[in-house]
Amino acid sequence: MSKIVIRENNILAIETRSGLFVIAQALKHKTLIFFNLFTTTPMSFNVDLSKAKILCCITPVKNFYNQAEIIKLKTLANAHIKDYDKRNHLSLNYFTSSGLDTGLQKDVRIYAGTEDEIVIPFLRTGDLRLVDWQLNTIQYLSKEYDGDIINQHQLETMGDYAELCERLYLSYRYGKYIEPIKDYIMGNTPIEYKTFFQMIAGQISKEQWLKLPIENVLY
């Protein structure tokens, strides 16, 4: 794995699954803008990032930088995304008006009642709210009535190495940013998300995950 110093505006190729890299641009504080650009030949990658579609903005945790295979590229940075990390986003609202914490759940069941059922203890979910970059609440959201707002905004999540790589890999397959936790909250869990949920349930080892192949895109 690579151990490199990452500075603002560095352009990076980051391995998601073995041999498949996503392109990212570094902001301050090691926050990354990921583009909808994937390649199996990162050393020959050269695209005008000012015209590239953005997937998401994530601040990975330390283990992501310690474990991910990262290659610095000579591609020019996109000069128009300096404050992209200050956009509004979604956050989980764990508490009701009575102060009850509704976000700590036991035995969350994914694909319940099927042979693919996965039990995830202590998966934090909850109601969603729209917040600004300083986490000030703009609007409390309803899954039934605010679907457009929810679909248009990213859920604020940190980036752990394996689960972030799997989210990015799913984004490659679907051609858009995939957020399995948000989709679960909204009642949508395609079978293609199974590996992601196995990860957070502790049902697949790092060694098993690293051996998984790159599958065909779904769009």
Protein backbone atom coordinates (compact mmCIF):
# COMPACT_ATOMS: atom_id res chain seq x y z
CA MET A 1 0.00 0.00 0.00
CA SER A 2 1.06 3.58 -0.57
CA LYS A 3 2.16 5.93 2.17
CA ILE A 4 2.24 9.38 0.61
CA VAL A 5 1.80 12.93 1.83
CA ILE A 6 -1.48 14.28 0.50
CA ARG A 7 -1.90 18.02 0.03
CA GLU A 8 -4.74 20.24 -1.15
CA ASN A 9 -5.44 19.92 -4.90
CA ASN A 10 -3.50 16.66 -5.25
CA ILE A 11 -5.19 14.39 -7.80
CA LEU A 12 -5.30 10.77 -6.70
CA ALA A 13 -6.16 7.38 -8.13
CA ILE A 14 -7.50 5.23 -5.28
CA GLU A 15 -8.03 1.49 -5.58
CA THR A 16 -11.58 0.35 -4.78
CA ARG A 17 -11.40 -3.32 -5.66
CA SER A 18 -8.27 -5.02 -6.93
CA GLY A 19 -7.29 -3.32 -10.18
CA LEU A 20 -10.12 -0.73 -10.25
CA PHE A 21 -9.27 2.86 -9.31
CA VAL A 22 -11.46 5.91 -8.70
CA ILE A 23 -10.20 9.46 -9.28
CA ALA A 24 -10.28 11.95 -6.40
CA GLN A 25 -9.12 15.48 -5.62
CA ALA A 26 -7.89 16.47 -2.17
CA LEU A 27 -9.34 19.46 -0.32
CA LYS A 28 -8.12 20.78 3.02
CA HIS A 29 -8.05 18.52 6.09
CA LYS A 30 -7.73 15.41 3.88
CA THR A 31 -11.29 15.70 2.65
CA LEU A 32 -11.68 14.14 -0.80
CA ILE A 33 -13.87 14.94 -3.77
CA PHE A 34 -14.52 11.71 -5.68
CA PHE A 35 -15.35 11.94 -9.38
CA ASN A 36 -17.46 9.56 -11.42
CA LEU A 37 -14.26 8.46 -13.12
CA PHE A 38 -12.94 4.92 -12.79
CA THR A 39 -9.96 3.34 -14.49
CA THR A 40 -7.93 0.13 -14.54
CA THR A 41 -4.92 2.01 -15.95
CA PRO A 42 -4.31 4.88 -13.52
CA MET A 43 -0.79 5.69 -14.72
CA SER A 44 -2.11 6.69 -18.15
CA PHE A 45 -5.17 8.56 -16.84
CA ASN A 46 -5.57 12.13 -18.09
CA VAL A 47 -8.99 13.84 -18.13
CA ASP A 48 -10.15 17.44 -17.78
CA LEU A 49 -11.56 17.38 -14.25
CA SER A 50 -13.39 20.69 -14.73
CA LYS A 51 -15.83 18.71 -16.91
CA ALA A 52 -16.02 15.61 -14.72
CA LYS A 53 -19.13 14.63 -12.76
CA ILE A 54 -18.69 14.61 -8.99
CA LEU A 55 -19.75 11.51 -7.06
CA CYS A 56 -19.38 12.64 -3.46
CA CYS A 57 -17.38 14.53 -0.87
CA ILE A 58 -15.99 12.41 1.98
CA THR A 59 -13.49 12.88 4.82
CA PRO A 60 -11.94 9.41 5.20
CA VAL A 61 -10.75 8.21 8.58
CA LYS A 62 -7.10 7.45 9.26
CA ASN A 63 -7.28 3.75 8.39
CA PHE A 64 -8.40 4.62 4.85
CA TYR A 65 -5.17 6.52 4.20
CA ASN A 66 -3.13 3.85 5.97
CA GLN A 67 -4.59 0.92 4.01
CA ALA A 68 -5.76 2.16 0.61
CA GLU A 69 -3.58 1.91 -2.49
CA ILE A 70 -3.20 5.55 -3.56
CA ILE A 71 -1.34 6.90 -6.58
CA LYS A 72 -0.64 10.60 -7.14
CA LEU A 73 -1.44 11.75 -10.67
CA LYS A 74 -0.20 14.73 -12.67
CA THR A 75 -3.69 15.67 -13.87
CA LEU A 76 -4.65 19.31 -13.27
CA ALA A 77 -6.99 19.98 -10.36
CA ASN A 78 -10.54 21.24 -10.79
CA ALA A 79 -10.32 24.89 -9.65
CA HIS A 80 -14.07 25.27 -9.17
CA ILE A 81 -14.66 22.94 -6.21
CA LYS A 82 -12.70 24.71 -3.48
CA ASP A 83 -15.69 24.98 -1.11
CA TYR A 84 -17.58 21.89 -2.21
CA ASP A 85 -17.31 20.47 1.32
CA LYS A 86 -19.43 23.38 2.59
CA ARG A 87 -22.55 22.29 0.76
CA ASN A 88 -25.73 21.29 2.58
CA HIS A 89 -26.04 17.58 3.33
CA LEU A 90 -28.11 15.03 5.21
CA SER A 91 -27.58 13.99 8.80
CA LEU A 92 -29.22 11.35 10.95
CA ASN A 93 -31.53 12.69 13.65
CA TYR A 94 -31.49 10.17 16.50
CA PHE A 95 -33.73 11.92 19.00
CA THR A 96 -37.47 12.50 19.17
CA SER A 97 -39.07 15.60 20.68
CA SER A 98 -39.29 13.72 23.99
CA GLY A 99 -35.55 13.12 24.00
CA LEU A 100 -35.78 9.42 23.18
CA ASP A 101 -32.79 8.11 21.24
CA THR A 102 -34.27 6.26 18.25
CA GLY A 103 -31.00 5.67 16.45
CA LEU A 104 -29.61 2.67 18.32
CA GLN A 105 -31.16 -0.51 17.00
CA LYS A 106 -30.52 -4.17 17.71
CA ASP A 107 -30.67 -6.93 15.16
CA VAL A 108 -31.36 -4.91 12.04
CA ARG A 109 -32.22 -7.47 9.38
CA ILE A 110 -31.25 -6.90 5.76
CA TYR A 111 -32.94 -9.13 3.13
CA ALA A 112 -35.12 -10.45 5.98
CA GLY A 113 -36.77 -13.81 5.38
CA THR A 114 -34.51 -14.79 2.48
CA GLU A 115 -31.44 -17.02 2.25
CA ASP A 116 -29.36 -13.82 2.03
CA GLU A 117 -30.59 -12.44 5.38
CA ILE A 118 -27.94 -10.48 7.26
CA VAL A 119 -28.29 -9.48 10.92
CA ILE A 120 -26.47 -6.28 11.86
CA PRO A 121 -26.36 -5.53 15.60
CA PHE A 122 -26.41 -1.89 16.69
CA LEU A 123 -26.75 -0.35 13.24
CA ARG A 124 -27.49 3.33 13.77
CA THR A 125 -30.23 4.64 11.55
CA GLY A 126 -32.95 7.17 12.27
CA ASP A 127 -34.86 10.06 10.77
CA LEU A 128 -33.07 12.39 8.40
CA ARG A 129 -32.57 16.13 8.51
CA LEU A 130 -31.03 18.60 6.09
CA VAL A 131 -28.12 20.51 7.65
CA ASP A 132 -25.54 23.06 6.58
CA TRP A 133 -21.81 22.38 6.67
CA GLN A 134 -21.69 23.41 10.34
CA LEU A 135 -24.47 20.91 11.19
CA ASN A 136 -27.10 23.57 11.81
CA THR A 137 -30.52 22.10 11.05
CA ILE A 138 -32.22 23.55 7.97
CA GLN A 139 -35.15 21.16 7.80
CA TYR A 140 -36.38 17.96 9.41
CA LEU A 141 -37.25 15.50 6.66
CA SER A 142 -39.96 12.95 6.08
CA LYS A 143 -39.21 9.81 4.09
CA GLU A 144 -42.76 9.91 2.77
CA TYR A 145 -42.87 13.55 1.64
CA ASP A 146 -39.28 14.76 1.19
CA GLY A 147 -37.88 12.08 -1.11
CA ASP A 148 -36.61 14.60 -3.68
CA ILE A 149 -34.56 16.48 -1.06
CA ILE A 150 -33.19 13.21 0.34
CA ASN A 151 -32.24 11.93 -3.10
CA GLN A 152 -30.49 15.19 -4.00
CA HIS A 153 -28.25 15.37 -0.93
CA GLN A 154 -25.46 13.21 0.41
CA LEU A 155 -25.66 11.63 3.85
CA GLU A 156 -22.80 12.81 6.04
CA THR A 157 -20.67 9.76 6.75
CA MET A 158 -17.00 9.28 7.51
CA GLY A 159 -14.99 7.02 5.27
CA ASP A 160 -13.72 3.81 6.82
CA TYR A 161 -11.34 1.99 4.46
CA ALA A 162 -13.22 -1.13 3.42
CA GLU A 163 -16.80 0.16 3.53
CA LEU A 164 -15.89 3.38 1.68
CA CYS A 165 -14.08 1.39 -1.01
CA GLU A 166 -17.16 -0.81 -1.36
CA ARG A 167 -19.44 2.25 -1.62
CA LEU A 168 -17.21 3.62 -4.37
CA TYR A 169 -17.15 0.25 -6.12
CA LEU A 170 -20.97 0.16 -6.04
CA SER A 171 -20.93 3.68 -7.49
CA TYR A 172 -18.85 2.32 -10.38
CA ARG A 173 -21.41 -0.43 -10.99
CA TYR A 174 -24.42 1.88 -10.88
CA GLY A 175 -22.85 4.93 -12.54
CA LYS A 176 -23.85 7.21 -9.63
CA TYR A 177 -23.00 7.66 -5.96
CA ILE A 178 -24.42 4.81 -3.89
CA GLU A 179 -25.22 5.16 -0.18
CA PRO A 180 -26.43 1.80 1.15
CA ILE A 181 -27.35 3.14 4.60
CA LYS A 182 -29.47 5.95 3.17
CA ASP A 183 -31.07 3.52 0.74
CA TYR A 184 -31.82 1.14 3.60
CA ILE A 185 -33.51 3.96 5.52
CA MET A 186 -35.57 4.69 2.41
CA GLY A 187 -36.52 1.01 2.02
CA ASN A 188 -34.27 0.15 -0.93
CA THR A 189 -31.66 -2.61 -0.52
CA PRO A 190 -30.73 -4.29 -3.83
CA ILE A 191 -28.90 -7.61 -3.56
CA GLU A 192 -25.83 -5.91 -5.07
CA TYR A 193 -25.37 -4.20 -1.68
CA LYS A 194 -24.91 -7.53 0.08
CA THR A 195 -21.12 -7.32 0.39
CA PHE A 196 -21.36 -3.87 1.97
CA PHE A 197 -23.82 -5.09 4.60
CA GLN A 198 -21.73 -8.21 5.20
CA MET A 199 -18.80 -5.90 5.95
CA ILE A 200 -20.55 -3.86 8.60
CA ALA A 201 -22.04 -7.04 10.07
CA GLY A 202 -18.56 -8.59 10.33
CA GLN A 203 -19.54 -11.48 8.05
CA ILE A 204 -16.75 -11.12 5.50
CA SER A 205 -13.03 -10.89 6.19
CA LYS A 206 -10.68 -8.38 4.61
CA GLU A 207 -8.92 -11.25 2.84
CA GLN A 208 -12.20 -12.51 1.35
CA TRP A 209 -13.21 -9.02 0.27
CA LEU A 210 -9.86 -8.31 -1.40
CA LYS A 211 -10.30 -11.40 -3.57
CA LEU A 212 -13.69 -10.34 -4.94
CA PRO A 213 -13.75 -9.68 -8.71
CA ILE A 214 -14.74 -6.55 -10.60
CA GLU A 215 -18.26 -7.22 -11.87
CA ASN A 216 -20.08 -5.69 -14.84
CA VAL A 217 -21.70 -2.27 -14.59
CA LEU A 218 -25.46 -2.18 -14.10
CA TYR A 219 -26.42 0.77 -16.31
